Amino acid sequence: MTQHLVAEWMSRADLASLVAALGPENARYVGGAVRDTLLGQPVKDIDMATVHVPDQVMARLKAAGIRHVPTGIEHGTVTAVLEGGPVEITTLRHDVSTDGRRATVAFASDWREDAARRDFTINALYADPLSGEIFDYFEGLADLATRTVRFIGDARQRIREDHLRILRYFRFQARFGTLPAEAEAESACQDLAAMLKGLSRERVGMETMNLLGLADPAPTVQRMAQLGVLAVILPEARPDTLANLVEAERAQAIAPDALRRLAALLPPDPLLAEQVAARFRLSGAQKKRLSLAAARESEPGDPRTLAYRLGREAALDRLLIARADTRALEGWDIPRFPLKGGQIVARGVSAGPDVARVLRAVETRWVCEGFPDDQRIEALLTDELARPPA
């Protein structure tokens, strides 16, 4: 029985104009938009496949007055910039050669041939843009129904074409799959895991962070460790710690955070955290946050004091990794220490080291007392000024 895609997003006026420009018989929705709609999940990105080569696509879009950008022209991709969001339009392709990192492609005109070069069966579903009729060349619908993540054709061949598919497999398994996973897919990933060493660190880092940002990657990360895959990309990882963090996030209704999950996987070693950040090509801000999380102690201490010293984000990282209560930070704005050096000078202290010493002493007591009001700060200052110099 033929299955049809029914979705509110398919009735968008800007998509109708795009389909008319390409010709409905020459284009189909493909990939994530089809898959996620069938699963009842929100659709973030819409991709189309077409028999038109890129020059034809751009000519048709120009004639229809649709703004477009040749975002991946060497691979046949043109992005239509629509009011409802960009749509990537890619010419049907087949691989000419691959080296595990990049592929040389040639344009094709056969839909099944285009489907055959994709990674997983659930990503090779196409839908007619008008009728919604679904075209399924490799039993992707059946795999979607059973939540099975399966490579198209020979799993090892698919991985040899693009080594990053090992990590993509685990990301898709964490998002869509059920356990036990397909034995052939896991066996291929285990046997070929060493191929990940040939990829750029940035690609590995991005895919790893995408995995860690999912709702609950802990069982999948644990399985990666068991299969020897995790040791290739993150040998420092302690996978048992991740489940505790995910549980703490859920219990306190705090959104998943990939960087926090990475921090939880690493031992409390700031230098090591910086090395991992450099390996994954993380930004300077991410590196600093990872290092702060790695400087944690077994007991994080008072949440508000922690947030004042480190910032809210870093405090949440430490508290959640320790499975501590974060409710004290809800709706609480981190205060600024209101005492200034000029106020101390006005009380007769000579400008210089003594002012800094008094400032530090008052601030320390102010924090320990739970950030009291200005009247209490004045009392603390008077008390400190009455103390004999150390």
Protein backbone atom coordinates (compact mmCIF):
# COMPACT_ATOMS: atom_id res chain seq x y z
CA MET A 1 0.00 0.00 0.00
CA THR A 2 1.38 3.38 -1.00
CA GLN A 3 2.04 5.70 1.92
CA HIS A 4 1.67 9.47 1.69
CA LEU A 5 3.26 12.30 3.61
CA VAL A 6 0.82 14.71 5.23
CA ALA A 7 2.28 17.78 6.88
CA GLU A 8 1.28 21.37 7.54
CA TRP A 9 4.63 22.64 6.29
CA MET A 10 3.94 21.19 2.83
CA SER A 11 1.18 23.77 2.31
CA ARG A 12 3.50 26.76 2.69
CA ALA A 13 3.04 29.29 -0.11
CA ASP A 14 6.77 29.83 -0.55
CA LEU A 15 7.33 26.09 -0.98
CA ALA A 16 4.52 25.97 -3.53
CA SER A 17 6.30 28.68 -5.53
CA LEU A 18 9.56 26.73 -5.32
CA VAL A 19 7.92 23.50 -6.47
CA ALA A 20 6.26 25.31 -9.37
CA ALA A 21 9.62 26.81 -10.40
CA LEU A 22 11.36 23.42 -10.43
CA GLY A 23 8.40 21.50 -11.81
CA PRO A 24 6.64 19.09 -9.41
CA GLU A 25 7.60 16.10 -11.53
CA ASN A 26 11.28 17.08 -11.29
CA ALA A 27 11.69 17.50 -7.54
CA ARG A 28 10.97 15.61 -4.32
CA TYR A 29 11.35 16.27 -0.64
CA VAL A 30 14.01 14.02 0.84
CA GLY A 31 15.76 13.07 4.05
CA GLY A 32 15.12 14.55 7.46
CA ALA A 33 11.96 16.48 6.64
CA VAL A 34 10.29 13.29 5.40
CA ARG A 35 11.66 11.12 8.20
CA ASP A 36 10.79 13.51 11.03
CA THR A 37 7.30 14.19 9.70
CA LEU A 38 6.58 10.47 9.64
CA LEU A 39 7.80 10.23 13.23
CA GLY A 40 5.64 13.15 14.31
CA GLN A 41 8.68 15.22 15.23
CA PRO A 42 9.29 18.92 14.45
CA VAL A 43 10.85 19.59 11.06
CA LYS A 44 13.79 21.98 11.21
CA ASP A 45 15.34 21.74 7.75
CA ILE A 46 13.76 21.00 4.39
CA ASP A 47 15.80 19.44 1.62
CA MET A 48 14.81 18.71 -1.95
CA ALA A 49 16.34 16.48 -4.60
CA THR A 50 15.92 17.26 -8.28
CA VAL A 51 16.81 15.92 -11.69
CA HIS A 52 17.89 19.41 -12.76
CA VAL A 53 21.60 20.19 -12.77
CA PRO A 54 22.62 23.25 -10.70
CA ASP A 55 22.71 25.69 -13.62
CA GLN A 56 19.16 24.70 -14.52
CA VAL A 57 18.06 25.03 -10.91
CA MET A 58 19.50 28.53 -10.65
CA ALA A 59 18.01 29.57 -13.99
CA ARG A 60 14.56 28.37 -12.94
CA LEU A 61 14.77 30.06 -9.57
CA LYS A 62 15.93 33.29 -11.15
CA ALA A 63 13.04 33.21 -13.63
CA ALA A 64 10.63 32.71 -10.73
CA GLY A 65 12.17 35.58 -8.74
CA ILE A 66 13.36 33.27 -5.96
CA ARG A 67 16.54 34.36 -4.24
CA HIS A 68 19.17 31.61 -4.19
CA VAL A 69 22.78 30.93 -3.24
CA PRO A 70 25.13 28.31 -4.76
CA THR A 71 26.12 26.93 -1.35
CA GLY A 72 27.63 23.64 -2.54
CA ILE A 73 27.73 23.91 -6.27
CA GLU A 74 30.55 21.37 -6.67
CA HIS A 75 28.29 18.80 -5.03
CA GLY A 76 25.18 19.97 -6.83
CA THR A 77 23.57 22.00 -4.04
CA VAL A 78 21.79 25.33 -4.44
CA THR A 79 20.00 26.94 -1.51
CA ALA A 80 16.71 28.70 -2.12
CA VAL A 81 16.25 31.53 0.37
CA LEU A 82 12.55 31.46 1.20
CA GLU A 83 10.42 33.43 3.64
CA GLY A 84 9.76 30.33 5.73
CA GLY A 85 13.42 29.31 5.82
CA PRO A 86 16.13 28.12 3.42
CA VAL A 87 15.68 24.97 1.35
CA GLU A 88 18.67 23.05 0.01
CA ILE A 89 18.10 21.73 -3.49
CA THR A 90 20.55 19.06 -4.61
CA THR A 91 20.86 17.42 -8.00
CA LEU A 92 20.54 13.64 -8.05
CA ARG A 93 24.04 12.17 -7.74
CA HIS A 94 26.13 9.06 -7.66
CA ASP A 95 29.64 8.66 -6.27
CA VAL A 96 32.49 8.43 -8.75
CA SER A 97 35.21 8.00 -6.14
CA THR A 98 35.58 8.34 -2.37
CA ASP A 99 38.51 8.32 0.04
CA GLY A 100 36.65 8.20 3.33
CA ARG A 101 36.80 11.96 3.80
CA ARG A 102 35.31 13.43 0.64
CA ALA A 103 33.57 12.15 -2.44
CA THR A 104 33.79 12.98 -6.11
CA VAL A 105 30.26 12.89 -7.48
CA ALA A 106 28.59 12.90 -10.87
CA PHE A 107 25.07 14.04 -11.54
CA ALA A 108 22.45 11.41 -12.19
CA SER A 109 18.85 11.20 -13.32
CA ASP A 110 17.73 8.06 -11.50
CA TRP A 111 16.08 8.47 -8.09
CA ARG A 112 17.06 5.03 -6.86
CA GLU A 113 20.68 5.66 -7.78
CA ASP A 114 20.62 8.83 -5.70
CA ALA A 115 19.05 6.95 -2.79
CA ALA A 116 21.72 4.24 -2.97
CA ARG A 117 24.53 6.67 -2.14
CA ARG A 118 22.88 7.88 1.08
CA ASP A 119 23.89 6.58 4.50
CA PHE A 120 20.86 5.07 6.24
CA THR A 121 17.59 3.67 4.98
CA ILE A 122 15.55 6.09 7.09
CA ASN A 123 17.33 9.01 5.39
CA ALA A 124 16.58 7.76 1.87
CA LEU A 125 12.85 8.47 1.84
CA TYR A 126 11.50 10.80 -0.85
CA ALA A 127 8.09 12.46 -1.07
CA ASP A 128 6.23 13.89 -4.04
CA PRO A 129 5.82 17.63 -3.31
CA LEU A 130 2.19 17.70 -4.44
CA SER A 131 0.65 14.33 -3.63
CA GLY A 132 2.94 13.45 -0.73
CA GLU A 133 3.48 9.96 -2.18
CA ILE A 134 6.50 8.40 -0.51
CA PHE A 135 9.18 6.65 -2.51
CA ASP A 136 11.08 4.09 -0.47
CA TYR A 137 13.83 2.20 -2.29
CA PHE A 138 15.52 0.42 0.63
CA GLU A 139 12.79 -0.42 3.16
CA GLY A 140 13.28 2.76 5.12
CA LEU A 141 9.62 2.85 6.13
CA ALA A 142 9.88 -0.57 7.75
CA ASP A 143 13.05 0.46 9.58
CA LEU A 144 11.37 3.66 10.72
CA ALA A 145 8.48 1.64 12.13
CA THR A 146 10.81 -0.58 14.14
CA ARG A 147 13.24 2.26 14.99
CA THR A 148 16.10 0.43 13.29
CA VAL A 149 19.10 2.44 12.10
CA ARG A 150 20.49 0.46 9.17
CA PHE A 151 23.07 1.30 6.55
CA ILE A 152 21.98 1.14 2.94
CA GLY A 153 23.56 -1.90 1.34
CA ASP A 154 26.88 -3.07 2.74
CA ALA A 155 27.64 -1.26 6.00
CA ARG A 156 31.39 -1.53 5.63
CA GLN A 157 31.29 -0.11 2.12
CA ARG A 158 29.19 2.84 3.30
CA ILE A 159 31.72 3.55 6.06
CA ARG A 160 34.70 3.25 3.72
CA GLU A 161 33.06 5.88 1.51
CA ASP A 162 32.78 8.30 4.42
CA HIS A 163 34.44 7.44 7.72
CA LEU A 164 32.35 10.00 9.59
CA ARG A 165 29.36 7.71 9.07
CA ILE A 166 30.55 5.73 12.09
CA LEU A 167 29.78 8.68 14.35
CA ARG A 168 26.66 9.57 12.38
CA TYR A 169 25.45 6.04 12.96
CA PHE A 170 25.73 6.40 16.72
CA ARG A 171 24.10 9.82 16.65
CA PHE A 172 21.16 8.45 14.69
CA GLN A 173 21.02 5.42 16.95
CA ALA A 174 20.81 7.70 19.99
CA ARG A 175 18.09 9.80 18.40
CA PHE A 176 15.98 7.26 16.53
CA GLY A 177 17.12 3.74 17.35
CA THR A 178 16.06 1.10 19.80
CA LEU A 179 18.09 -1.58 21.52
CA PRO A 180 19.40 -4.04 20.64
CA ALA A 181 20.85 -2.25 17.63
CA GLU A 182 21.38 -3.93 14.29
CA ALA A 183 24.30 -6.33 14.64
CA GLU A 184 25.77 -5.70 11.18
CA ALA A 185 25.91 -1.94 11.70
CA GLU A 186 27.59 -2.26 15.10
CA SER A 187 30.05 -4.84 13.83
CA ALA A 188 31.06 -2.61 10.92
CA CYS A 189 31.54 0.40 13.19
CA GLN A 190 33.61 -1.66 15.61
CA ASP A 191 35.85 -3.18 12.94
CA LEU A 192 36.46 0.12 11.11
CA ALA A 193 36.64 2.48 14.11
CA ALA A 194 40.33 3.17 13.50
CA MET A 195 39.35 4.95 10.28
CA LEU A 196 38.10 7.85 12.38
CA LYS A 197 41.72 8.80 13.00
CA GLY A 198 41.98 9.94 9.38
CA LEU A 199 39.26 12.57 9.72
CA SER A 200 39.79 16.20 10.63
CA ARG A 201 39.51 16.86 14.35
CA GLU A 202 36.93 19.55 13.69
CA ARG A 203 34.56 17.13 11.92
CA VAL A 204 34.95 14.56 14.67
CA GLY A 205 34.38 17.23 17.32
CA MET A 206 31.26 18.59 15.65
CA GLU A 207 29.71 15.15 15.23
CA THR A 208 30.56 14.19 18.80
CA MET A 209 28.99 17.38 20.14
CA ASN A 210 25.88 16.78 18.02
CA LEU A 211 25.57 13.36 19.64
CA LEU A 212 26.09 14.68 23.17
CA GLY A 213 23.43 17.34 22.65
CA LEU A 214 20.65 14.80 22.15
CA ALA A 215 18.04 14.05 24.81
CA ASP A 216 19.83 11.01 26.25
CA PRO A 217 23.06 9.93 24.58
CA ALA A 218 24.29 7.99 27.64
CA PRO A 219 23.33 4.44 26.54
CA THR A 220 24.78 5.03 23.09
CA VAL A 221 28.01 6.50 24.45
CA GLN A 222 28.29 3.50 26.73
CA ARG A 223 27.85 1.21 23.73
CA MET A 224 30.51 3.16 21.81
CA ALA A 225 32.87 2.48 24.70
CA GLN A 226 32.07 -1.22 24.69
CA LEU A 227 32.72 -1.43 20.95
CA GLY A 228 36.03 0.44 21.18
CA VAL A 229 34.80 3.42 19.16
CA LEU A 230 34.86 5.95 21.98
CA ALA A 231 38.50 5.16 22.74
CA VAL A 232 39.46 6.27 19.22
CA ILE A 233 37.92 9.74 19.47
CA LEU A 234 37.97 10.39 23.22
CA PRO A 235 40.24 7.94 25.06
CA GLU A 236 40.00 10.02 28.25
CA ALA A 237 36.25 9.51 28.53
CA ARG A 238 34.62 7.87 31.52
CA PRO A 239 31.24 6.88 30.04
CA ASP A 240 29.66 5.83 33.34
CA THR A 241 29.52 9.45 34.50
CA LEU A 242 27.30 10.67 31.67
CA ALA A 243 24.14 8.86 32.77
CA ASN A 244 24.29 10.58 36.17
CA LEU A 245 24.41 14.01 34.56
CA VAL A 246 21.53 13.25 32.18
CA GLU A 247 19.48 12.06 35.15
CA ALA A 248 20.27 15.25 37.09
CA GLU A 249 19.32 17.45 34.12
CA ARG A 250 16.01 15.65 33.72
CA ALA A 251 15.20 15.72 37.43
CA GLN A 252 15.71 19.48 37.53
CA ALA A 253 14.12 20.22 34.12
CA ILE A 254 17.32 21.67 32.70
CA ALA A 255 17.87 21.47 28.95
CA PRO A 256 20.53 19.14 27.54
CA ASP A 257 23.88 20.78 26.95
CA ALA A 258 26.55 19.11 24.83
CA LEU A 259 29.50 20.92 26.40
CA ARG A 260 28.34 20.05 29.91
CA ARG A 261 28.01 16.40 28.85
CA LEU A 262 31.54 16.48 27.43
CA ALA A 263 32.79 17.91 30.72
CA ALA A 264 31.05 15.11 32.62
CA LEU A 265 32.80 12.51 30.47
CA LEU A 266 36.22 13.93 31.33
CA PRO A 267 38.08 13.55 34.63
CA PRO A 268 38.47 16.72 36.77
CA ASP A 269 41.69 17.84 35.14
CA PRO A 270 41.70 21.40 33.67
CA LEU A 271 44.83 20.81 31.57
CA LEU A 272 43.31 17.70 30.02
CA ALA A 273 40.08 19.60 29.37
CA GLU A 274 42.03 22.27 27.48
CA GLN A 275 43.73 19.59 25.40
CA VAL A 276 40.39 18.02 24.48
CA ALA A 277 38.98 21.45 23.62
CA ALA A 278 41.91 22.06 21.29
CA ARG A 279 41.52 18.60 19.74
CA PHE A 280 37.83 19.20 19.03
CA ARG A 281 38.56 22.71 17.77
CA LEU A 282 36.23 24.29 20.31
CA SER A 283 35.97 28.07 20.63
CA GLY A 284 37.84 30.05 23.24
CA ALA A 285 34.69 30.48 25.31
CA GLN A 286 33.94 26.75 25.14
CA LYS A 287 37.51 25.93 26.13
CA LYS A 288 37.28 28.20 29.18
CA ARG A 289 33.96 26.71 30.24
CA LEU A 290 35.24 23.15 29.83
CA SER A 291 38.31 24.00 31.90
CA LEU A 292 36.19 25.57 34.66
CA ALA A 293 34.03 22.45 34.80
CA ALA A 294 37.16 20.31 35.01
CA ALA A 295 38.43 22.33 37.98
CA ARG A 296 35.52 21.00 40.03
CA GLU A 297 35.77 19.46 43.46
CA SER A 298 33.72 16.60 44.85
CA GLU A 299 31.40 19.05 46.62
CA PRO A 300 30.56 22.18 44.61
CA GLY A 301 29.49 24.24 47.62
CA ASP A 302 26.86 26.97 47.80
CA PRO A 303 25.20 27.45 44.38
CA ARG A 304 24.97 31.24 44.57
CA THR A 305 28.55 31.64 45.72
CA LEU A 306 29.61 29.40 42.87
CA ALA A 307 27.58 31.40 40.35
CA TYR A 308 29.02 34.68 41.65
CA ARG A 309 32.58 33.40 41.34
CA LEU A 310 32.30 31.52 38.05
CA GLY A 311 29.14 32.73 36.30
CA ARG A 312 25.75 31.02 36.07
CA GLU A 313 26.63 28.63 33.25
CA ALA A 314 29.82 27.33 34.84
CA ALA A 315 28.04 27.01 38.18
CA LEU A 316 25.27 24.93 36.61
CA ASP A 317 27.89 22.70 35.02
CA ARG A 318 29.59 21.95 38.32
CA LEU A 319 26.35 21.55 40.26
CA LEU A 320 24.72 19.20 37.77
CA ILE A 321 27.82 17.09 37.28
CA ALA A 322 27.87 16.69 41.07
CA ARG A 323 24.10 16.00 40.99
CA ALA A 324 23.58 18.92 43.36
CA ASP A 325 20.43 21.03 43.69
CA THR A 326 20.34 24.08 41.37
CA ARG A 327 17.04 25.59 42.54
CA ALA A 328 18.81 28.40 44.42
CA LEU A 329 19.77 29.88 41.05
CA GLU A 330 16.24 29.92 39.62
CA GLY A 331 15.12 33.52 39.10
CA TRP A 332 18.21 34.82 40.90
CA ASP A 333 20.26 37.56 39.26
CA ILE A 334 23.94 37.50 40.08
CA PRO A 335 24.61 40.76 42.02
CA ARG A 336 27.47 43.14 41.46
CA PHE A 337 29.68 43.95 44.42
CA PRO A 338 28.74 47.59 45.02
CA LEU A 339 31.73 48.75 47.06
CA LYS A 340 34.30 50.80 45.14
CA GLY A 341 37.88 51.70 45.95
CA GLY A 342 37.04 55.39 46.11
CA GLN A 343 34.70 54.78 49.02
CA ILE A 344 37.55 53.19 50.97
CA VAL A 345 39.93 56.05 50.14
CA ALA A 346 37.24 58.46 51.35
CA ARG A 347 37.40 56.64 54.70
CA GLY A 348 41.07 57.54 55.09
CA VAL A 349 42.87 54.59 53.49
CA SER A 350 45.73 55.52 51.20
CA ALA A 351 45.29 54.45 47.59
CA GLY A 352 47.25 51.30 46.81
CA PRO A 353 47.55 47.73 48.18
CA ASP A 354 45.64 48.50 51.36
CA VAL A 355 42.54 49.48 49.38
CA ALA A 356 42.68 46.23 47.40
CA ARG A 357 43.11 44.25 50.64
CA VAL A 358 40.07 45.83 52.25
CA LEU A 359 37.99 45.39 49.11
CA ARG A 360 38.82 41.68 49.00
CA ALA A 361 38.09 41.20 52.69
CA VAL A 362 34.71 42.96 52.54
CA GLU A 363 33.73 41.15 49.38
CA THR A 364 34.60 37.76 50.89
CA ARG A 365 32.43 38.43 53.93
CA TRP A 366 29.63 39.86 51.77
CA VAL A 367 29.55 36.68 49.69
CA CYS A 368 29.70 34.42 52.75
CA GLU A 369 26.74 36.28 54.26
CA GLY A 370 24.62 35.74 51.17
CA PHE A 371 25.03 39.12 49.41
CA PRO A 372 23.39 41.46 51.98
CA ASP A 373 22.29 45.04 51.24
CA ASP A 374 24.35 48.25 51.13
CA GLN A 375 23.74 48.99 54.80
CA ARG A 376 25.39 45.73 55.78
CA ILE A 377 28.28 46.38 53.39
CA GLU A 378 28.88 49.70 55.15
CA ALA A 379 28.99 47.85 58.46
CA LEU A 380 31.39 45.27 57.07
CA LEU A 381 33.64 48.04 55.76
CA THR A 382 33.65 49.79 59.15
CA ASP A 383 34.55 46.51 60.81
CA GLU A 384 37.40 45.82 58.40
CA LEU A 385 38.80 49.33 58.79
CA ALA A 386 38.83 48.85 62.56
CA ARG A 387 40.98 45.74 62.25
CA PRO A 388 44.70 46.23 62.83
CA PRO A 389 46.80 45.64 59.69
CA ALA A 390 48.01 42.04 59.34
